[in-house]
């Protein structure tokens, strides 16, 4: 029997997820194509479609917008695996080009790949046969912080309160210099942050104090 992973992320995120619809169940290639179309997904510069995914406790493959929380995609329940995927569409159907087990809410192990492969095989979506980006999670028994080990780099999940503190300092300096602020989608790369949580912080700190902000989407 496949291992189940319970949610270990912030309680406030799980509480918010209770009122959100779960991810779309994908039982066929047609389901995936319909989700991409109806949810307004756009391909990246490589023509790939990104998605947050979970294999829920019933073994159902569910997807949601890439910036969605995994616990919302899972409907608040346990999962057999979770992470991110990038799909390529063609006349022959769909294939998974990249897959990761990065989910700081559930911390699934790389060994959860077989249940992902089985779910994809059932719906005839080809895949690379492994997580192309494996993430190992470690938790400090003292402070309970989760560490991410990825590509031999050791990182901690982003702390949104720390982002807000930094933005407050940036506001003060920008007002002092009468400057505008230009930035990429900060915190959403290797830091693993969600833009849907960082953007409101920028609005709260910079925009509400009339500091001009330009965000570049690379």
N, C-alpha and C. Protein backbone atom coordinates (compact mmCIF):
# COMPACT_ATOMS: atom_id res chain seq x y z
N UNK A 1 0.85 -1.20 0.00
CA UNK A 1 0.00 0.00 0.00
C UNK A 1 0.88 1.25 0.00
N UNK A 2 0.52 2.23 -0.80
CA UNK A 2 1.31 3.45 -0.92
C UNK A 2 1.28 4.27 0.38
N UNK A 3 2.39 4.91 0.65
CA UNK A 3 2.50 5.76 1.83
C UNK A 3 1.66 7.01 1.66
N UNK A 4 1.03 7.46 2.74
CA UNK A 4 0.26 8.70 2.72
C UNK A 4 1.03 9.78 3.46
N UNK A 5 0.99 10.98 2.90
CA UNK A 5 1.66 12.13 3.51
C UNK A 5 0.61 13.11 4.03
N UNK A 6 0.69 13.46 5.29
CA UNK A 6 -0.24 14.43 5.85
C UNK A 6 0.32 15.84 5.68
N UNK A 7 -0.53 16.81 5.74
CA UNK A 7 -0.11 18.20 5.58
C UNK A 7 0.67 18.64 6.82
N UNK A 8 1.83 19.27 6.58
CA UNK A 8 2.68 19.71 7.70
C UNK A 8 3.01 21.20 7.58
N UNK A 9 2.33 21.89 6.69
CA UNK A 9 2.59 23.31 6.50
C UNK A 9 1.83 24.19 7.48
N UNK A 10 1.85 25.50 7.26
CA UNK A 10 1.17 26.44 8.16
C UNK A 10 -0.33 26.16 8.27
N UNK A 11 -0.83 26.22 9.50
CA UNK A 11 -2.25 25.94 9.75
C UNK A 11 -3.14 26.94 9.01
N UNK A 12 -2.73 28.19 8.92
CA UNK A 12 -3.57 29.20 8.31
C UNK A 12 -3.82 28.90 6.83
N UNK A 13 -2.83 28.30 6.17
CA UNK A 13 -3.00 27.94 4.76
C UNK A 13 -4.00 26.80 4.63
N UNK A 14 -3.89 25.82 5.51
CA UNK A 14 -4.84 24.70 5.46
C UNK A 14 -6.26 25.19 5.75
N UNK A 15 -6.38 26.09 6.71
CA UNK A 15 -7.71 26.61 7.04
C UNK A 15 -8.32 27.32 5.85
N UNK A 16 -7.50 28.09 5.13
CA UNK A 16 -7.98 28.79 3.95
C UNK A 16 -8.36 27.81 2.84
N UNK A 17 -7.67 26.68 2.77
CA UNK A 17 -7.92 25.69 1.72
C UNK A 17 -9.26 25.01 1.88
N UNK A 18 -9.79 24.98 3.10
CA UNK A 18 -11.08 24.32 3.35
C UNK A 18 -12.18 24.94 2.50
N UNK A 19 -12.08 26.23 2.25
CA UNK A 19 -13.11 26.92 1.47
C UNK A 19 -12.79 26.98 -0.02
N UNK A 20 -11.72 26.32 -0.44
CA UNK A 20 -11.35 26.31 -1.85
C UNK A 20 -11.72 24.98 -2.49
N UNK A 21 -12.11 25.00 -3.76
CA UNK A 21 -12.41 23.72 -4.43
C UNK A 21 -11.12 22.94 -4.64
N UNK A 22 -11.19 21.61 -4.57
CA UNK A 22 -9.98 20.81 -4.80
C UNK A 22 -9.53 20.90 -6.25
N UNK A 23 -8.34 20.39 -6.52
CA UNK A 23 -7.84 20.39 -7.88
C UNK A 23 -8.71 19.57 -8.81
N UNK A 24 -8.60 19.83 -10.08
CA UNK A 24 -9.39 19.12 -11.09
C UNK A 24 -8.90 17.69 -11.24
N UNK A 25 -9.80 16.70 -11.12
CA UNK A 25 -9.38 15.31 -11.33
C UNK A 25 -9.10 15.06 -12.81
N UNK A 26 -7.98 14.43 -13.09
CA UNK A 26 -7.59 14.13 -14.47
C UNK A 26 -7.64 12.62 -14.66
N UNK A 27 -8.63 12.17 -15.42
CA UNK A 27 -8.80 10.73 -15.68
C UNK A 27 -8.56 10.36 -17.13
N UNK A 28 -8.23 11.36 -17.93
CA UNK A 28 -7.95 11.12 -19.35
C UNK A 28 -7.17 12.30 -19.90
N UNK A 29 -6.59 12.12 -21.08
CA UNK A 29 -5.90 13.23 -21.73
C UNK A 29 -6.90 14.35 -22.02
N UNK A 30 -8.12 13.98 -22.39
CA UNK A 30 -9.15 14.98 -22.67
C UNK A 30 -9.41 15.85 -21.44
N UNK A 31 -9.43 15.24 -20.25
CA UNK A 31 -9.61 16.02 -19.03
C UNK A 31 -8.51 17.06 -18.87
N UNK A 32 -7.27 16.65 -19.16
CA UNK A 32 -6.14 17.58 -19.04
C UNK A 32 -6.28 18.71 -20.05
N UNK A 33 -6.61 18.39 -21.28
CA UNK A 33 -6.77 19.41 -22.32
C UNK A 33 -7.89 20.38 -21.96
N UNK A 34 -8.99 19.84 -21.43
CA UNK A 34 -10.11 20.70 -21.04
C UNK A 34 -9.72 21.62 -19.89
N UNK A 35 -8.96 21.09 -18.93
CA UNK A 35 -8.52 21.93 -17.80
C UNK A 35 -7.63 23.06 -18.29
N UNK A 36 -6.70 22.75 -19.17
CA UNK A 36 -5.80 23.78 -19.69
C UNK A 36 -6.59 24.87 -20.40
N UNK A 37 -7.57 24.47 -21.18
CA UNK A 37 -8.36 25.44 -21.94
C UNK A 37 -9.28 26.25 -21.03
N UNK A 38 -10.05 25.58 -20.21
CA UNK A 38 -11.08 26.26 -19.42
C UNK A 38 -10.51 27.08 -18.26
N UNK A 39 -9.32 26.72 -17.79
CA UNK A 39 -8.72 27.49 -16.69
C UNK A 39 -7.80 28.60 -17.20
N UNK A 40 -7.70 28.72 -18.53
CA UNK A 40 -6.92 29.81 -19.11
C UNK A 40 -5.42 29.67 -18.94
N UNK A 41 -4.92 28.43 -18.89
CA UNK A 41 -3.48 28.24 -18.74
C UNK A 41 -2.74 28.72 -19.99
N UNK A 42 -1.58 29.31 -19.78
CA UNK A 42 -0.75 29.81 -20.88
C UNK A 42 0.59 29.09 -20.88
N UNK A 43 1.11 28.74 -22.06
CA UNK A 43 2.41 28.07 -22.11
C UNK A 43 3.55 29.03 -21.79
N UNK A 44 4.66 28.49 -21.31
CA UNK A 44 5.83 29.32 -21.06
C UNK A 44 6.60 29.50 -22.36
N UNK A 45 7.80 30.08 -22.28
CA UNK A 45 8.56 30.37 -23.49
C UNK A 45 9.01 29.11 -24.23
N UNK A 46 8.93 27.94 -23.55
CA UNK A 46 9.28 26.68 -24.19
C UNK A 46 8.05 25.93 -24.70
N UNK A 47 6.89 26.58 -24.54
CA UNK A 47 5.66 25.93 -24.97
C UNK A 47 5.12 24.91 -23.99
N UNK A 48 5.59 24.95 -22.74
CA UNK A 48 5.16 23.99 -21.73
C UNK A 48 4.10 24.60 -20.82
N UNK A 49 3.19 23.76 -20.37
CA UNK A 49 2.14 24.18 -19.44
C UNK A 49 2.47 23.65 -18.05
N UNK A 50 2.54 24.56 -17.09
CA UNK A 50 2.90 24.19 -15.72
C UNK A 50 1.66 23.95 -14.88
N UNK A 51 1.80 23.05 -13.91
CA UNK A 51 0.67 22.76 -13.01
C UNK A 51 1.17 22.28 -11.66
N UNK A 52 0.43 22.62 -10.62
CA UNK A 52 0.57 21.99 -9.32
C UNK A 52 -0.18 20.67 -9.40
N UNK A 53 0.37 19.61 -8.84
CA UNK A 53 -0.36 18.33 -8.87
C UNK A 53 -0.31 17.65 -7.52
N UNK A 54 -1.29 16.78 -7.29
CA UNK A 54 -1.26 15.85 -6.17
C UNK A 54 -1.82 14.52 -6.65
N UNK A 55 -1.40 13.46 -6.00
CA UNK A 55 -2.08 12.17 -6.09
C UNK A 55 -2.78 12.04 -4.75
N UNK A 56 -4.10 12.17 -4.74
CA UNK A 56 -4.79 12.22 -3.46
C UNK A 56 -4.87 10.85 -2.80
N UNK A 57 -5.49 10.77 -1.64
CA UNK A 57 -5.48 9.51 -0.89
C UNK A 57 -6.28 8.41 -1.54
N UNK A 58 -7.11 8.75 -2.55
CA UNK A 58 -7.81 7.74 -3.34
C UNK A 58 -7.03 7.36 -4.60
N UNK A 59 -5.85 7.97 -4.77
CA UNK A 59 -5.04 7.68 -5.94
C UNK A 59 -5.43 8.48 -7.16
N UNK A 60 -6.26 9.51 -6.98
CA UNK A 60 -6.71 10.34 -8.10
C UNK A 60 -5.68 11.42 -8.39
N UNK A 61 -5.35 11.57 -9.64
CA UNK A 61 -4.41 12.59 -10.11
C UNK A 61 -5.17 13.89 -10.25
N UNK A 62 -4.78 14.92 -9.50
CA UNK A 62 -5.44 16.22 -9.53
C UNK A 62 -4.45 17.32 -9.88
N UNK A 63 -4.91 18.30 -10.64
CA UNK A 63 -4.05 19.43 -11.00
C UNK A 63 -4.74 20.74 -10.67
N UNK A 64 -3.92 21.77 -10.52
CA UNK A 64 -4.42 23.12 -10.27
C UNK A 64 -3.39 24.10 -10.83
N UNK A 65 -3.77 25.37 -10.84
CA UNK A 65 -2.83 26.41 -11.26
C UNK A 65 -1.50 26.25 -10.52
N UNK A 66 -0.41 26.51 -11.21
CA UNK A 66 0.90 26.28 -10.63
C UNK A 66 1.10 27.03 -9.31
N UNK A 67 0.46 28.17 -9.14
CA UNK A 67 0.66 28.96 -7.93
C UNK A 67 -0.32 28.58 -6.82
N UNK A 68 -1.07 27.51 -7.02
CA UNK A 68 -2.01 27.05 -6.00
C UNK A 68 -1.27 26.28 -4.90
N UNK A 69 -1.83 26.29 -3.71
CA UNK A 69 -1.27 25.51 -2.61
C UNK A 69 -1.64 24.04 -2.79
N UNK A 70 -0.71 23.15 -2.49
CA UNK A 70 -0.98 21.72 -2.66
C UNK A 70 -2.11 21.25 -1.75
N UNK A 71 -2.20 21.82 -0.55
CA UNK A 71 -3.25 21.38 0.37
C UNK A 71 -4.63 21.74 -0.17
N UNK A 72 -4.71 22.85 -0.92
CA UNK A 72 -5.99 23.20 -1.56
C UNK A 72 -6.29 22.24 -2.70
N UNK A 73 -5.27 21.91 -3.48
CA UNK A 73 -5.44 20.97 -4.58
C UNK A 73 -5.92 19.62 -4.07
N UNK A 74 -5.45 19.24 -2.88
CA UNK A 74 -5.83 17.95 -2.29
C UNK A 74 -7.12 18.02 -1.50
N UNK A 75 -7.76 19.18 -1.46
CA UNK A 75 -9.00 19.32 -0.70
C UNK A 75 -8.76 19.21 0.80
N UNK A 76 -7.53 19.49 1.24
CA UNK A 76 -7.22 19.45 2.66
C UNK A 76 -6.83 18.09 3.19
N UNK A 77 -6.92 17.06 2.34
CA UNK A 77 -6.64 15.71 2.80
C UNK A 77 -5.19 15.29 2.65
N UNK A 78 -4.93 14.02 2.91
CA UNK A 78 -3.60 13.46 2.74
C UNK A 78 -3.34 13.17 1.26
N UNK A 79 -2.08 12.97 0.93
CA UNK A 79 -1.72 12.68 -0.46
C UNK A 79 -0.73 11.52 -0.51
N UNK A 80 -0.68 10.89 -1.69
CA UNK A 80 0.33 9.86 -1.94
C UNK A 80 1.58 10.48 -2.56
N UNK A 81 1.41 11.64 -3.19
CA UNK A 81 2.54 12.39 -3.73
C UNK A 81 2.03 13.78 -4.09
N UNK A 82 2.96 14.69 -4.34
CA UNK A 82 2.59 16.06 -4.71
C UNK A 82 3.82 16.73 -5.29
N UNK A 83 3.59 17.79 -6.05
CA UNK A 83 4.71 18.51 -6.63
C UNK A 83 4.26 19.40 -7.77
N UNK A 84 5.16 19.57 -8.74
CA UNK A 84 4.87 20.38 -9.92
C UNK A 84 5.20 19.59 -11.17
N UNK A 85 4.45 19.87 -12.24
CA UNK A 85 4.68 19.23 -13.53
C UNK A 85 4.64 20.25 -14.65
N UNK A 86 5.35 19.91 -15.73
CA UNK A 86 5.31 20.70 -16.94
C UNK A 86 4.90 19.77 -18.09
N UNK A 87 3.83 20.13 -18.77
CA UNK A 87 3.29 19.31 -19.85
C UNK A 87 3.60 19.91 -21.21
N UNK A 88 3.84 19.03 -22.18
CA UNK A 88 3.93 19.45 -23.58
C UNK A 88 2.77 18.79 -24.32
N UNK A 89 2.05 19.59 -25.10
CA UNK A 89 0.93 19.08 -25.88
C UNK A 89 1.36 18.93 -27.33
N UNK A 90 0.82 17.89 -27.97
CA UNK A 90 1.10 17.66 -29.39
C UNK A 90 -0.08 16.95 -30.00
N UNK A 91 0.02 16.72 -31.30
CA UNK A 91 -1.07 16.01 -31.98
C UNK A 91 -1.24 14.60 -31.45
N UNK A 92 -0.17 14.06 -30.86
CA UNK A 92 -0.23 12.70 -30.32
C UNK A 92 -0.80 12.66 -28.91
N UNK A 93 -1.07 13.82 -28.32
CA UNK A 93 -1.62 13.86 -26.97
C UNK A 93 -0.84 14.77 -26.05
N UNK A 94 -0.48 14.26 -24.88
CA UNK A 94 0.24 15.07 -23.88
C UNK A 94 1.33 14.24 -23.26
N UNK A 95 2.39 14.91 -22.85
CA UNK A 95 3.47 14.23 -22.14
C UNK A 95 3.99 15.11 -21.02
N UNK A 96 4.47 14.48 -19.97
CA UNK A 96 5.12 15.19 -18.88
C UNK A 96 6.59 15.31 -19.24
N UNK A 97 7.06 16.55 -19.34
CA UNK A 97 8.46 16.79 -19.68
C UNK A 97 9.31 16.92 -18.42
N UNK A 98 8.76 17.60 -17.42
CA UNK A 98 9.47 17.78 -16.16
C UNK A 98 8.52 17.50 -15.01
N UNK A 99 9.05 16.95 -13.94
CA UNK A 99 8.24 16.68 -12.75
C UNK A 99 9.10 16.80 -11.51
N UNK A 100 8.53 17.38 -10.47
CA UNK A 100 9.23 17.56 -9.22
C UNK A 100 8.32 17.17 -8.06
N UNK A 101 8.93 16.72 -6.97
CA UNK A 101 8.17 16.42 -5.76
C UNK A 101 8.23 17.57 -4.77
N UNK A 102 8.46 18.80 -5.26
CA UNK A 102 8.58 19.94 -4.37
C UNK A 102 7.22 20.40 -3.86
N UNK A 103 6.96 20.11 -2.63
CA UNK A 103 5.76 20.56 -1.93
C UNK A 103 6.12 20.70 -0.46
N UNK A 104 6.35 21.93 -0.01
CA UNK A 104 6.73 22.14 1.38
C UNK A 104 5.56 21.92 2.33
N UNK A 105 4.35 21.82 1.78
CA UNK A 105 3.20 21.54 2.62
C UNK A 105 3.09 20.07 3.01
N UNK A 106 3.52 19.18 2.09
CA UNK A 106 3.42 17.74 2.33
C UNK A 106 4.78 17.05 2.46
N UNK A 107 5.82 17.62 1.88
CA UNK A 107 7.16 17.03 1.93
C UNK A 107 7.18 15.57 1.46
N UNK A 108 6.65 15.28 0.28
CA UNK A 108 6.67 13.90 -0.20
C UNK A 108 8.10 13.48 -0.57
N UNK A 109 8.41 12.24 -0.39
CA UNK A 109 9.74 11.74 -0.70
C UNK A 109 9.87 11.44 -2.20
N UNK A 110 11.08 11.45 -2.74
CA UNK A 110 11.28 11.06 -4.14
C UNK A 110 10.76 9.65 -4.41
N UNK A 111 10.75 8.81 -3.36
CA UNK A 111 10.27 7.43 -3.51
C UNK A 111 8.78 7.35 -3.78
N UNK A 112 8.08 8.49 -3.76
CA UNK A 112 6.64 8.48 -4.07
C UNK A 112 6.39 8.46 -5.57
N UNK A 113 7.46 8.50 -6.38
CA UNK A 113 7.28 8.54 -7.84
C UNK A 113 6.41 7.40 -8.39
N UNK A 114 6.54 6.13 -7.96
CA UNK A 114 5.75 5.07 -8.56
C UNK A 114 4.24 5.33 -8.60
N UNK A 115 3.68 5.98 -7.58
CA UNK A 115 2.24 6.25 -7.62
C UNK A 115 1.92 7.32 -8.66
N UNK A 116 2.88 8.24 -8.86
CA UNK A 116 2.70 9.26 -9.90
C UNK A 116 2.74 8.60 -11.27
N UNK A 117 3.73 7.73 -11.48
CA UNK A 117 3.85 7.03 -12.75
C UNK A 117 2.61 6.19 -13.04
N UNK A 118 2.09 5.51 -12.03
CA UNK A 118 0.90 4.67 -12.22
C UNK A 118 -0.30 5.51 -12.63
N UNK A 119 -0.46 6.67 -11.98
CA UNK A 119 -1.59 7.56 -12.31
C UNK A 119 -1.48 8.06 -13.75
N UNK A 120 -0.27 8.43 -14.17
CA UNK A 120 -0.06 8.92 -15.53
C UNK A 120 -0.25 7.79 -16.55
N UNK A 121 0.23 6.61 -16.22
CA UNK A 121 0.08 5.47 -17.13
C UNK A 121 -1.39 5.13 -17.36
N UNK A 122 -2.20 5.23 -16.30
CA UNK A 122 -3.63 4.90 -16.43
C UNK A 122 -4.33 5.81 -17.42
N UNK A 123 -3.85 7.05 -17.54
CA UNK A 123 -4.53 7.99 -18.43
C UNK A 123 -3.72 8.26 -19.70
N UNK A 124 -2.74 7.38 -19.95
CA UNK A 124 -1.98 7.41 -21.20
C UNK A 124 -1.25 8.74 -21.44
N UNK A 125 -0.66 9.28 -20.37
CA UNK A 125 0.19 10.46 -20.51
C UNK A 125 1.63 9.99 -20.30
N UNK A 126 2.45 10.15 -21.33
CA UNK A 126 3.83 9.69 -21.22
C UNK A 126 4.61 10.57 -20.26
N UNK A 127 5.69 10.03 -19.73
CA UNK A 127 6.46 10.74 -18.69
C UNK A 127 7.90 10.28 -18.72
N UNK A 128 8.80 10.98 -18.03
CA UNK A 128 10.23 10.63 -18.06
C UNK A 128 10.60 9.42 -17.21
N UNK A 129 9.65 8.87 -16.44
CA UNK A 129 9.94 7.69 -15.64
C UNK A 129 10.57 7.97 -14.30
N UNK A 130 10.60 9.24 -13.92
CA UNK A 130 11.22 9.63 -12.65
C UNK A 130 10.90 11.10 -12.40
N UNK A 131 11.15 11.55 -11.18
CA UNK A 131 11.13 12.98 -10.92
C UNK A 131 12.39 13.56 -11.57
N UNK A 132 12.22 14.48 -12.50
CA UNK A 132 13.39 15.09 -13.13
C UNK A 132 14.10 16.02 -12.17
N UNK A 133 13.39 16.48 -11.15
CA UNK A 133 14.01 17.29 -10.10
C UNK A 133 13.57 16.72 -8.76
N UNK A 134 14.49 16.01 -8.12
CA UNK A 134 14.18 15.39 -6.84
C UNK A 134 14.48 16.36 -5.70
N UNK A 135 13.59 16.41 -4.75
CA UNK A 135 13.76 17.26 -3.57
C UNK A 135 13.70 16.38 -2.33
N UNK A 136 14.64 16.58 -1.43
CA UNK A 136 14.64 15.88 -0.15
C UNK A 136 14.37 16.89 0.95
N UNK A 137 13.42 16.58 1.80
CA UNK A 137 13.03 17.48 2.88
C UNK A 137 13.60 16.97 4.21
N UNK A 138 14.14 17.89 4.98
CA UNK A 138 14.62 17.57 6.31
C UNK A 138 13.98 18.53 7.30
N UNK A 139 13.59 18.01 8.44
CA UNK A 139 12.95 18.85 9.46
C UNK A 139 13.77 18.86 10.73
N UNK A 140 14.05 20.06 11.22
CA UNK A 140 14.79 20.20 12.47
C UNK A 140 13.89 19.79 13.63
N UNK A 141 14.31 18.84 14.47
CA UNK A 141 13.46 18.39 15.58
C UNK A 141 13.27 19.45 16.66
N UNK A 142 14.13 20.47 16.67
CA UNK A 142 14.05 21.51 17.70
C UNK A 142 13.12 22.65 17.28
N UNK A 143 13.44 23.26 16.12
CA UNK A 143 12.65 24.42 15.70
C UNK A 143 11.54 24.06 14.73
N UNK A 144 11.52 22.81 14.24
CA UNK A 144 10.49 22.30 13.33
C UNK A 144 10.55 22.93 11.94
N UNK A 145 11.59 23.71 11.65
CA UNK A 145 11.75 24.27 10.31
C UNK A 145 12.07 23.15 9.33
N UNK A 146 11.52 23.28 8.11
CA UNK A 146 11.80 22.30 7.06
C UNK A 146 12.91 22.83 6.17
N UNK A 147 13.88 21.98 5.88
CA UNK A 147 14.96 22.32 4.97
C UNK A 147 14.79 21.56 3.67
N UNK A 148 15.13 22.20 2.57
CA UNK A 148 15.04 21.57 1.27
C UNK A 148 16.44 21.28 0.78
N UNK A 149 16.67 20.04 0.34
CA UNK A 149 17.93 19.67 -0.26
C UNK A 149 17.65 19.44 -1.74
N UNK A 150 18.20 20.31 -2.58
CA UNK A 150 17.90 20.25 -4.01
C UNK A 150 19.16 20.58 -4.79
N UNK A 151 19.53 19.69 -5.70
CA UNK A 151 20.71 19.92 -6.52
C UNK A 151 21.92 20.27 -5.66
N UNK A 152 22.04 19.57 -4.51
CA UNK A 152 23.15 19.73 -3.58
C UNK A 152 23.16 21.09 -2.87
N UNK A 153 22.09 21.84 -3.00
CA UNK A 153 21.96 23.10 -2.26
C UNK A 153 20.99 22.87 -1.11
N UNK A 154 21.27 23.48 0.03
CA UNK A 154 20.42 23.35 1.21
C UNK A 154 19.70 24.69 1.43
N UNK A 155 18.39 24.65 1.41
CA UNK A 155 17.64 25.89 1.58
C UNK A 155 16.51 25.68 2.56
N UNK A 156 15.99 26.78 3.09
CA UNK A 156 14.80 26.73 3.93
C UNK A 156 13.63 27.32 3.15
N UNK A 157 12.42 26.80 3.38
CA UNK A 157 11.25 27.37 2.72
C UNK A 157 11.14 28.86 3.04
N UNK A 158 10.64 29.62 2.10
CA UNK A 158 10.54 31.06 2.25
C UNK A 158 9.64 31.42 3.42
N UNK A 159 10.00 32.48 4.14
CA UNK A 159 9.18 33.00 5.24
C UNK A 159 8.56 34.31 4.77
N UNK A 160 7.25 34.30 4.58
CA UNK A 160 6.58 35.47 4.01
C UNK A 160 6.64 36.68 4.93
N UNK A 161 6.68 36.43 6.23
CA UNK A 161 6.78 37.56 7.16
C UNK A 161 8.13 38.26 6.99
N UNK A 162 9.17 37.49 6.65
CA UNK A 162 10.48 38.08 6.41
C UNK A 162 10.47 38.90 5.12
N UNK A 163 9.75 38.41 4.11
CA UNK A 163 9.61 39.16 2.86
C UNK A 163 8.93 40.50 3.14
N UNK A 164 7.88 40.48 3.94
CA UNK A 164 7.17 41.71 4.26
C UNK A 164 8.08 42.69 5.02
N UNK A 165 8.88 42.18 5.94
CA UNK A 165 9.81 43.04 6.68
C UNK A 165 10.79 43.72 5.71
N UNK A 166 11.29 42.97 4.76
CA UNK A 166 12.23 43.53 3.77
C UNK A 166 11.55 44.59 2.91
N UNK A 167 10.32 44.33 2.53
CA UNK A 167 9.59 45.30 1.72
C UNK A 167 9.32 46.59 2.50
N UNK A 168 9.07 46.46 3.79
CA UNK A 168 8.86 47.66 4.61
C UNK A 168 10.12 48.53 4.62
N UNK A 169 11.29 47.89 4.70
CA UNK A 169 12.55 48.63 4.66
C UNK A 169 12.76 49.26 3.29
N UNK A 170 12.33 48.54 2.26
CA UNK A 170 12.46 49.06 0.90
C UNK A 170 11.57 50.28 0.69
N UNK A 171 10.37 50.23 1.27
CA UNK A 171 9.46 51.37 1.19
C UNK A 171 10.12 52.62 1.76
N UNK A 172 10.70 52.50 2.94
CA UNK A 172 11.33 53.64 3.59
C UNK A 172 12.43 54.24 2.73
N UNK A 173 13.25 53.39 2.14
CA UNK A 173 14.34 53.87 1.31
C UNK A 173 13.82 54.48 0.00
N UNK A 174 12.81 53.87 -0.59
CA UNK A 174 12.24 54.39 -1.84
C UNK A 174 11.61 55.77 -1.61
N UNK A 175 10.90 55.95 -0.49
CA UNK A 175 10.30 57.25 -0.19
C UNK A 175 11.37 58.30 0.10
N UNK A 176 12.42 57.87 0.77
CA UNK A 176 13.51 58.79 1.07
C UNK A 176 14.16 59.32 -0.20
N UNK A 177 14.29 58.44 -1.20
CA UNK A 177 14.98 58.81 -2.44
C UNK A 177 14.02 59.24 -3.55
N UNK A 178 12.71 59.19 -3.26
CA UNK A 178 11.69 59.45 -4.30
C UNK A 178 11.92 58.54 -5.50
N UNK A 179 12.19 57.28 -5.21
CA UNK A 179 12.56 56.32 -6.25
C UNK A 179 11.41 55.39 -6.60
N UNK A 180 11.47 54.83 -7.78
CA UNK A 180 10.57 53.76 -8.18
C UNK A 180 11.28 52.43 -7.95
N UNK A 181 10.52 51.35 -7.93
CA UNK A 181 11.08 50.03 -7.65
C UNK A 181 10.83 49.11 -8.84
N UNK A 182 11.87 48.42 -9.27
CA UNK A 182 11.79 47.45 -10.36
C UNK A 182 12.29 46.10 -9.85
N UNK A 183 11.57 45.05 -10.14
CA UNK A 183 11.94 43.73 -9.60
C UNK A 183 11.37 42.61 -10.45
N UNK A 184 11.96 41.40 -10.36
CA UNK A 184 11.32 40.22 -10.93
C UNK A 184 10.27 39.72 -9.95
N UNK A 185 9.73 38.55 -10.16
CA UNK A 185 8.79 37.96 -9.20
C UNK A 185 9.61 37.41 -8.04
N UNK A 186 9.94 38.29 -7.12
CA UNK A 186 10.84 37.93 -6.02
C UNK A 186 10.30 36.76 -5.21
N UNK A 187 11.23 35.92 -4.77
CA UNK A 187 10.88 34.81 -3.89
C UNK A 187 10.21 33.63 -4.55
N UNK A 188 10.06 33.66 -5.88
CA UNK A 188 9.30 32.60 -6.57
C UNK A 188 10.18 31.66 -7.38
N UNK A 189 11.50 31.79 -7.23
CA UNK A 189 12.40 30.89 -7.93
C UNK A 189 12.85 29.77 -7.01
N UNK A 190 14.15 29.71 -6.74
CA UNK A 190 14.67 28.67 -5.86
C UNK A 190 14.13 28.78 -4.44
N UNK A 191 13.68 29.98 -4.06
CA UNK A 191 13.13 30.15 -2.71
C UNK A 191 11.83 29.39 -2.53
N UNK A 192 11.15 29.06 -3.64
CA UNK A 192 9.95 28.24 -3.57
C UNK A 192 8.69 28.96 -3.14
N UNK A 193 8.70 30.31 -3.18
CA UNK A 193 7.51 31.06 -2.77
C UNK A 193 6.41 31.07 -3.82
N UNK A 194 5.24 31.47 -3.40
CA UNK A 194 4.07 31.56 -4.28
C UNK A 194 3.79 33.02 -4.57
N UNK A 195 3.72 33.36 -5.87
CA UNK A 195 3.48 34.75 -6.25
C UNK A 195 2.15 35.26 -5.72
N UNK A 196 1.17 34.40 -5.62
CA UNK A 196 -0.14 34.83 -5.14
C UNK A 196 -0.10 35.26 -3.67
N UNK A 197 0.96 34.91 -2.97
CA UNK A 197 1.12 35.36 -1.58
C UNK A 197 2.07 36.54 -1.49
N UNK A 198 3.01 36.64 -2.44
CA UNK A 198 3.98 37.73 -2.40
C UNK A 198 3.40 39.01 -3.01
N UNK A 199 2.63 38.87 -4.08
CA UNK A 199 2.06 40.07 -4.72
C UNK A 199 1.24 40.92 -3.75
N UNK A 200 0.36 40.32 -2.91
CA UNK A 200 -0.37 41.15 -1.95
C UNK A 200 0.53 41.89 -0.97
N UNK A 201 1.68 41.32 -0.65
CA UNK A 201 2.62 41.99 0.25
C UNK A 201 3.21 43.23 -0.42
N UNK A 202 3.48 43.13 -1.73
CA UNK A 202 3.99 44.28 -2.48
C UNK A 202 2.94 45.38 -2.54
N UNK A 203 1.70 44.98 -2.76
CA UNK A 203 0.61 45.96 -2.80
C UNK A 203 0.45 46.63 -1.44
N UNK A 204 0.50 45.80 -0.37
CA UNK A 204 0.30 46.31 0.99
C UNK A 204 1.39 47.29 1.41
N UNK A 205 2.62 47.01 1.02
CA UNK A 205 3.74 47.82 1.49
C UNK A 205 4.10 48.95 0.53
N UNK A 206 4.32 48.63 -0.72
CA UNK A 206 4.80 49.61 -1.69
C UNK A 206 3.69 50.39 -2.37
N UNK A 207 2.75 49.66 -2.96
CA UNK A 207 1.72 50.33 -3.77
C UNK A 207 0.81 51.23 -2.94
N UNK A 208 0.47 50.80 -1.74
CA UNK A 208 -0.44 51.60 -0.92
C UNK A 208 0.22 52.89 -0.41
N UNK A 209 1.54 52.96 -0.57
CA UNK A 209 2.24 54.18 -0.18
C UNK A 209 2.73 54.94 -1.42
N UNK A 210 2.07 54.58 -2.54
CA UNK A 210 2.30 55.31 -3.80
C UNK A 210 3.73 55.24 -4.30
N UNK A 211 4.40 54.12 -4.02
CA UNK A 211 5.73 53.90 -4.60
C UNK A 211 5.52 53.18 -5.94
N UNK A 212 5.97 53.76 -7.05
CA UNK A 212 5.78 53.10 -8.36
C UNK A 212 6.56 51.78 -8.40
N UNK A 213 5.88 50.72 -8.83
CA UNK A 213 6.50 49.39 -8.86
C UNK A 213 6.31 48.77 -10.25
N UNK A 214 7.37 48.23 -10.77
CA UNK A 214 7.32 47.47 -12.02
C UNK A 214 7.85 46.07 -11.75
N UNK A 215 7.05 45.05 -12.09
CA UNK A 215 7.47 43.67 -11.91
C UNK A 215 7.69 43.05 -13.28
N UNK A 216 8.86 42.48 -13.48
CA UNK A 216 9.20 41.87 -14.76
C UNK A 216 8.96 40.36 -14.67
N UNK A 217 8.19 39.85 -15.62
CA UNK A 217 7.87 38.42 -15.65
C UNK A 217 8.77 37.75 -16.68
N UNK A 218 9.87 37.18 -16.23
CA UNK A 218 10.84 36.58 -17.15
C UNK A 218 10.38 35.20 -17.58
